Structures are given as structure tokens and as C-alpha cells.
Amino acid sequence: MAAPIDPDFRARLAALNEKFAATVPGTLDKIRAALAACVAGGELPSQDALHQLHEVLHGVAGSAGTFGFMVFGQESRRIEQMVRGVLTTQTGWAPVVPEVEKLLHWAAQDAKASHYD
């Protein structure tokens, strides 16, 4: 087997994974706050509130998998796409709320879990 070019690669990757893990509670707070802003908007949230929710979910979707939080990233991507649909069509908001709440509950238990239920 060939020796790695950078012998410290795994140690640095583990450190980055730990750093990402430390940001998860704050990220969940951002998702929670964005959802609250959306819900406060009534039946259909404002575009600004929806953009905020979309942005935070998009950030998780784009980075979580890189740091070993595959399912968290996948589910965030799925819900991000639901929010994008609401932004585009101005319909379909109602099912988004329970999906975000489920994600928040699940991730608060173990955002690195390999099963989503």
C-alpha cells in the first residue's frame, strides 16, 4: 500500500469533523429561529423568512456530509428543496413545518446518526 502524501491528513480531518460537530447546536438554533420567523408569517411566510430558512438548510446540506454527518446533510437537502419549491411556487408551505421540526428533533438527539427516523 502506498504511503499517504500527507501523514497528518487523518488527524486534520478528524479535527475538522470535531469542529463541525461543535457547530451543530448553533446551527440547530439558526434553523429553529428561521422556522420561527417563517411560522410567525402566517399561512405563507415572507420571502425573506423563507430565504433565511433555505440558506441555513443549504449550508448544512452542502457541508454536513463532508464532515461525517451524511444523513443530516441529506435530510437538510431534501427539506431545502421543499423550501425552494415554496419560494418558487408560493405553495406547499404546510408540509415543510413538520419536516423541519422532525429534523430539529432528530439532529438534537444525534446529528451524526446513520438512520433518520
Foldseek 3Di string as FASTA:
>chain_A
DDDDPDVCVVVVLLVVLVVVVVCLVVLLVQLVVLLVQQVVCPPGRDLVSLVSNLVSLCVCLVPVVSSQLPVLNVLSVVLSVQSVVCSVPVDDPVVSNVSSVQSSVQVVVPSNDPDRD
